[in-house]
């Protein structure tokens, strides 16, 4: 990861949040260095930063932690390099950051707001700002939209009905 970061002035109330989140955030993005590696090399940094109950929002839909891990695997496999460009602690539970993701064939910028669980000091929800909300969904075509749709279907139908619907769809 190249580190070209601008940290905004941190008010006294936000110092605790900044100290709990900034280093894990930087270490996590350092793992996206353009080298292909197994996610197990990134897992400890991911776990230090993100809550077990993580929700990641894409195009107005939410993706669970497992789908977000799959997205991270995709980023690593495609040799994306993360450049953390900006970080701002807007209050005692929110962190905003801007990341440039790039490789030889793509360069996109994401700007997200993370909600930090005050009990664990880990990010529990990540939501892209409006101007960059579709970046990851568009970066890999409709793959993430399909993942999200499958999660929503599974929650609505229940696991057994969902599995039956998937079996019928495959056999059709």
C-alpha atoms as a PDB file:
ATOM      1  CA  UNK A   1       0.000   0.000   0.000  1.00  0.00           C
ATOM      2  CA  UNK A   2       1.242   3.409  -0.718  1.00  0.00           C
ATOM      3  CA  UNK A   3       0.442   5.738   2.115  1.00  0.00           C
ATOM      4  CA  UNK A   4      -0.554   9.154   0.927  1.00  0.00           C
ATOM      5  CA  UNK A   5      -2.804  10.033   3.794  1.00  0.00           C
ATOM      6  CA  UNK A   6      -4.201  13.248   5.132  1.00  0.00           C
ATOM      7  CA  UNK A   7      -5.483  13.090   8.691  1.00  0.00           C
ATOM      8  CA  UNK A   8      -7.829  15.876   9.639  1.00  0.00           C
ATOM      9  CA  UNK A   9      -7.623  17.656  12.983  1.00  0.00           C
ATOM     10  CA  UNK A  10      -8.866  15.310  15.700  1.00  0.00           C
ATOM     11  CA  UNK A  11     -10.962  16.862  18.419  1.00  0.00           C
ATOM     12  CA  UNK A  12     -10.361  15.710  22.003  1.00  0.00           C
ATOM     13  CA  UNK A  13     -13.596  13.673  22.030  1.00  0.00           C
ATOM     14  CA  UNK A  14     -12.454  11.674  19.007  1.00  0.00           C
ATOM     15  CA  UNK A  15      -8.908  10.851  20.128  1.00  0.00           C
ATOM     16  CA  UNK A  16      -9.939   7.492  21.613  1.00  0.00           C
ATOM     17  CA  UNK A  17     -11.648   6.456  18.393  1.00  0.00           C
ATOM     18  CA  UNK A  18      -8.704   7.604  16.294  1.00  0.00           C
ATOM     19  CA  UNK A  19      -6.209   5.700  18.400  1.00  0.00           C
ATOM     20  CA  UNK A  20      -8.315   2.512  18.300  1.00  0.00           C
ATOM     21  CA  UNK A  21      -9.083   2.547  14.564  1.00  0.00           C
ATOM     22  CA  UNK A  22      -6.345   4.383  12.681  1.00  0.00           C
ATOM     23  CA  UNK A  23      -3.510   1.861  13.086  1.00  0.00           C
ATOM     24  CA  UNK A  24      -5.651  -1.235  12.319  1.00  0.00           C
ATOM     25  CA  UNK A  25      -7.105   0.597   9.298  1.00  0.00           C
ATOM     26  CA  UNK A  26      -3.645   1.444   7.959  1.00  0.00           C
ATOM     27  CA  UNK A  27      -2.317  -2.076   8.572  1.00  0.00           C
ATOM     28  CA  UNK A  28      -5.337  -3.583   6.817  1.00  0.00           C
ATOM     29  CA  UNK A  29      -4.868  -1.449   3.702  1.00  0.00           C
ATOM     30  CA  UNK A  30      -1.121  -2.190   3.671  1.00  0.00           C
ATOM     31  CA  UNK A  31      -2.036  -5.782   2.846  1.00  0.00           C
ATOM     32  CA  UNK A  32      -3.371  -4.691  -0.550  1.00  0.00           C
ATOM     33  CA  UNK A  33       0.050  -4.225  -2.083  1.00  0.00           C
ATOM     34  CA  UNK A  34      -0.520  -5.717  -5.526  1.00  0.00           C
ATOM     35  CA  UNK A  35       0.816  -9.144  -4.595  1.00  0.00           C
ATOM     36  CA  UNK A  36      -1.380 -12.218  -4.828  1.00  0.00           C
ATOM     37  CA  UNK A  37      -1.623 -13.947  -1.468  1.00  0.00           C
ATOM     38  CA  UNK A  38      -3.988 -16.146   0.419  1.00  0.00           C
ATOM     39  CA  UNK A  39      -6.592 -14.347   2.503  1.00  0.00           C
ATOM     40  CA  UNK A  40      -5.183 -16.072   5.592  1.00  0.00           C
ATOM     41  CA  UNK A  41      -2.282 -13.561   5.395  1.00  0.00           C
ATOM     42  CA  UNK A  42      -4.778 -10.692   5.602  1.00  0.00           C
ATOM     43  CA  UNK A  43      -7.249 -12.308   8.010  1.00  0.00           C
ATOM     44  CA  UNK A  44      -5.712 -11.080  11.286  1.00  0.00           C
ATOM     45  CA  UNK A  45      -5.659  -7.469  10.027  1.00  0.00           C
ATOM     46  CA  UNK A  46      -9.233  -7.841   8.799  1.00  0.00           C
ATOM     47  CA  UNK A  47     -10.335  -9.269  12.164  1.00  0.00           C
ATOM     48  CA  UNK A  48      -8.554  -6.496  14.089  1.00  0.00           C
ATOM     49  CA  UNK A  49     -10.506  -3.867  12.151  1.00  0.00           C
ATOM     50  CA  UNK A  50     -13.955  -5.297  11.412  1.00  0.00           C
ATOM     51  CA  UNK A  51     -16.592  -6.592  13.815  1.00  0.00           C
ATOM     52  CA  UNK A  52     -17.948 -10.146  13.625  1.00  0.00           C
ATOM     53  CA  UNK A  53     -21.329  -8.512  12.954  1.00  0.00           C
ATOM     54  CA  UNK A  54     -20.056  -6.380  10.067  1.00  0.00           C
ATOM     55  CA  UNK A  55     -22.531  -5.078   7.513  1.00  0.00           C
ATOM     56  CA  UNK A  56     -21.172  -3.662   4.259  1.00  0.00           C
ATOM     57  CA  UNK A  57     -23.600  -1.692   2.126  1.00  0.00           C
ATOM     58  CA  UNK A  58     -23.450  -1.759  -1.681  1.00  0.00           C
ATOM     59  CA  UNK A  59     -25.964   0.025  -3.885  1.00  0.00           C
ATOM     60  CA  UNK A  60     -28.492   0.337  -1.066  1.00  0.00           C
ATOM     61  CA  UNK A  61     -28.250  -3.359  -0.159  1.00  0.00           C
ATOM     62  CA  UNK A  62     -26.280  -4.912   2.661  1.00  0.00           C
ATOM     63  CA  UNK A  63     -23.699  -7.644   2.454  1.00  0.00           C
ATOM     64  CA  UNK A  64     -22.651  -9.715   5.450  1.00  0.00           C
ATOM     65  CA  UNK A  65     -19.137 -10.342   6.720  1.00  0.00           C
ATOM     66  CA  UNK A  66     -18.705 -13.551   4.682  1.00  0.00           C
ATOM     67  CA  UNK A  67     -19.570 -11.784   1.412  1.00  0.00           C
ATOM     68  CA  UNK A  68     -17.269  -8.893   2.376  1.00  0.00           C
ATOM     69  CA  UNK A  69     -14.456 -11.399   2.947  1.00  0.00           C
ATOM     70  CA  UNK A  70     -15.144 -12.816  -0.523  1.00  0.00           C
ATOM     71  CA  UNK A  71     -14.894  -9.293  -1.915  1.00  0.00           C
ATOM     72  CA  UNK A  72     -11.538  -8.855  -0.157  1.00  0.00           C
ATOM     73  CA  UNK A  73     -10.325 -12.135  -1.676  1.00  0.00           C
ATOM     74  CA  UNK A  74     -11.323 -10.848  -5.103  1.00  0.00           C
ATOM     75  CA  UNK A  75      -9.373  -7.614  -4.544  1.00  0.00           C
ATOM     76  CA  UNK A  76      -6.275  -9.562  -3.505  1.00  0.00           C
ATOM     77  CA  UNK A  77      -6.528 -12.066  -6.376  1.00  0.00           C
ATOM     78  CA  UNK A  78      -6.787  -9.183  -8.836  1.00  0.00           C
ATOM     79  CA  UNK A  79      -3.653  -7.561  -7.419  1.00  0.00           C
ATOM     80  CA  UNK A  80      -5.343  -4.369  -6.342  1.00  0.00           C
ATOM     81  CA  UNK A  81      -3.230  -1.841  -4.515  1.00  0.00           C
ATOM     82  CA  UNK A  82      -4.906   0.254  -1.838  1.00  0.00           C
ATOM     83  CA  UNK A  83      -3.779   3.814  -1.247  1.00  0.00           C
ATOM     84  CA  UNK A  84      -5.385   5.328   1.828  1.00  0.00           C
ATOM     85  CA  UNK A  85      -5.676   8.949   0.811  1.00  0.00           C
ATOM     86  CA  UNK A  86      -7.758  10.544   3.542  1.00  0.00           C
ATOM     87  CA  UNK A  87      -9.077   9.687   6.990  1.00  0.00           C
ATOM     88  CA  UNK A  88     -11.388  11.744   9.164  1.00  0.00           C
ATOM     89  CA  UNK A  89     -12.958  11.004  12.533  1.00  0.00           C
ATOM     90  CA  UNK A  90     -16.188  12.983  12.350  1.00  0.00           C
ATOM     91  CA  UNK A  91     -17.412  12.103  15.842  1.00  0.00           C
ATOM     92  CA  UNK A  92     -16.800   9.496  18.534  1.00  0.00           C
ATOM     93  CA  UNK A  93     -18.378   6.634  16.548  1.00  0.00           C
ATOM     94  CA  UNK A  94     -17.698   7.434  12.872  1.00  0.00           C
ATOM     95  CA  UNK A  95     -14.644   7.289  10.662  1.00  0.00           C
ATOM     96  CA  UNK A  96     -14.606   8.451   7.038  1.00  0.00           C
ATOM     97  CA  UNK A  97     -11.860   7.378   4.705  1.00  0.00           C
ATOM     98  CA  UNK A  98     -10.980   7.602   1.042  1.00  0.00           C
ATOM     99  CA  UNK A  99      -9.093   4.824  -0.723  1.00  0.00           C
ATOM    100  CA  UNK A 100      -7.727   4.607  -4.242  1.00  0.00           C
ATOM    101  CA  UNK A 101      -7.855   1.005  -5.522  1.00  0.00           C
ATOM    102  CA  UNK A 102      -5.721   0.309  -8.579  1.00  0.00           C
ATOM    103  CA  UNK A 103      -3.872  -2.271 -10.618  1.00  0.00           C
ATOM    104  CA  UNK A 104      -2.627  -2.346 -14.210  1.00  0.00           C
ATOM    105  CA  UNK A 105      -6.130  -2.166 -15.643  1.00  0.00           C
ATOM    106  CA  UNK A 106      -8.275  -0.207 -13.200  1.00  0.00           C
ATOM    107  CA  UNK A 107      -8.157   2.742 -10.840  1.00  0.00           C
ATOM    108  CA  UNK A 108     -11.151   3.643  -8.715  1.00  0.00           C
ATOM    109  CA  UNK A 109     -11.698   5.733  -5.618  1.00  0.00           C
ATOM    110  CA  UNK A 110     -13.982   4.831  -2.747  1.00  0.00           C
ATOM    111  CA  UNK A 111     -15.079   7.161   0.018  1.00  0.00           C
ATOM    112  CA  UNK A 112     -16.820   5.401   2.888  1.00  0.00           C
ATOM    113  CA  UNK A 113     -18.195   6.058   6.333  1.00  0.00           C
ATOM    114  CA  UNK A 114     -17.586   3.431   8.977  1.00  0.00           C
ATOM    115  CA  UNK A 115     -19.621   3.072  12.135  1.00  0.00           C
ATOM    116  CA  UNK A 116     -17.447   1.939  15.021  1.00  0.00           C
ATOM    117  CA  UNK A 117     -18.829  -0.211  17.828  1.00  0.00           C
ATOM    118  CA  UNK A 118     -17.915   1.672  21.003  1.00  0.00           C
ATOM    119  CA  UNK A 119     -17.637  -1.611  22.960  1.00  0.00           C
ATOM    120  CA  UNK A 120     -15.132  -3.337  20.679  1.00  0.00           C
ATOM    121  CA  UNK A 121     -13.650  -0.347  18.803  1.00  0.00           C
ATOM    122  CA  UNK A 122     -14.159  -2.283  15.576  1.00  0.00           C
ATOM    123  CA  UNK A 123     -15.999  -1.157  12.478  1.00  0.00           C
ATOM    124  CA  UNK A 124     -19.474  -2.682  12.487  1.00  0.00           C
ATOM    125  CA  UNK A 125     -20.939  -1.003   9.404  1.00  0.00           C
ATOM    126  CA  UNK A 126     -19.348   0.362   6.235  1.00  0.00           C
ATOM    127  CA  UNK A 127     -21.364   2.483   3.864  1.00  0.00           C
ATOM    128  CA  UNK A 128     -19.984   4.119   0.752  1.00  0.00           C
ATOM    129  CA  UNK A 129     -20.754   7.800   0.319  1.00  0.00           C
ATOM    130  CA  UNK A 130     -23.239   8.567  -2.422  1.00  0.00           C
ATOM    131  CA  UNK A 131     -20.641   9.632  -4.952  1.00  0.00           C
ATOM    132  CA  UNK A 132     -18.779   6.299  -4.773  1.00  0.00           C
ATOM    133  CA  UNK A 133     -21.599   3.935  -3.830  1.00  0.00           C
ATOM    134  CA  UNK A 134     -21.469   1.780  -6.963  1.00  0.00           C
ATOM    135  CA  UNK A 135     -17.710   1.459  -7.387  1.00  0.00           C
ATOM    136  CA  UNK A 136     -17.249  -2.103  -6.102  1.00  0.00           C
ATOM    137  CA  UNK A 137     -20.491  -3.320  -7.647  1.00  0.00           C
ATOM    138  CA  UNK A 138     -19.457  -1.926 -11.022  1.00  0.00           C
ATOM    139  CA  UNK A 139     -15.811  -2.973 -10.732  1.00  0.00           C
ATOM    140  CA  UNK A 140     -16.724  -6.637 -11.025  1.00  0.00           C
ATOM    141  CA  UNK A 141     -19.822  -6.322 -13.184  1.00  0.00           C
ATOM    142  CA  UNK A 142     -22.878  -7.624 -11.431  1.00  0.00           C
ATOM    143  CA  UNK A 143     -21.074 -10.202  -9.279  1.00  0.00           C
ATOM    144  CA  UNK A 144     -21.623  -8.344  -5.988  1.00  0.00           C
ATOM    145  CA  UNK A 145     -25.212  -7.529  -6.899  1.00  0.00           C
ATOM    146  CA  UNK A 146     -25.812 -11.265  -7.363  1.00  0.00           C
ATOM    147  CA  UNK A 147     -24.166 -12.063  -4.020  1.00  0.00           C
ATOM    148  CA  UNK A 148     -26.344  -9.488  -2.283  1.00  0.00           C
ATOM    149  CA  UNK A 149     -29.482 -10.708  -4.030  1.00  0.00           C
ATOM    150  CA  UNK A 150     -28.732 -14.282  -2.951  1.00  0.00           C
ATOM    151  CA  UNK A 151     -28.278 -13.156   0.659  1.00  0.00           C
ATOM    152  CA  UNK A 152     -31.555 -11.251   0.599  1.00  0.00           C
ATOM    153  CA  UNK A 153     -33.351 -14.218  -0.992  1.00  0.00           C
ATOM    154  CA  UNK A 154     -31.918 -16.548   1.646  1.00  0.00           C
ATOM    155  CA  UNK A 155     -33.080 -14.286   4.491  1.00  0.00           C
ATOM    156  CA  UNK A 156     -36.563 -13.906   3.026  1.00  0.00           C
ATOM    157  CA  UNK A 157     -37.104 -17.574   2.112  1.00  0.00           C
ATOM    158  CA  UNK A 158     -35.247 -19.208   4.948  1.00  0.00           C
ATOM    159  CA  UNK A 159     -32.312 -21.545   4.434  1.00  0.00           C
ATOM    160  CA  UNK A 160     -34.238 -24.697   3.472  1.00  0.00           C
ATOM    161  CA  UNK A 161     -36.563 -22.982   0.989  1.00  0.00           C
ATOM    162  CA  UNK A 162     -33.635 -21.046  -0.462  1.00  0.00           C
ATOM    163  CA  UNK A 163     -31.618 -24.247  -0.985  1.00  0.00           C
ATOM    164  CA  UNK A 164     -34.603 -25.857  -2.724  1.00  0.00           C
ATOM    165  CA  UNK A 165     -35.053 -22.806  -4.992  1.00  0.00           C
ATOM    166  CA  UNK A 166     -31.343 -22.886  -5.884  1.00  0.00           C
ATOM    167  CA  UNK A 167     -31.528 -26.612  -6.683  1.00  0.00           C
ATOM    168  CA  UNK A 168     -34.534 -26.023  -8.965  1.00  0.00           C
ATOM    169  CA  UNK A 169     -32.773 -23.120 -10.693  1.00  0.00           C
ATOM    170  CA  UNK A 170     -29.674 -25.236 -11.403  1.00  0.00           C
ATOM    171  CA  UNK A 171     -31.694 -28.114 -12.825  1.00  0.00           C
ATOM    172  CA  UNK A 172     -33.769 -25.852 -15.110  1.00  0.00           C
END
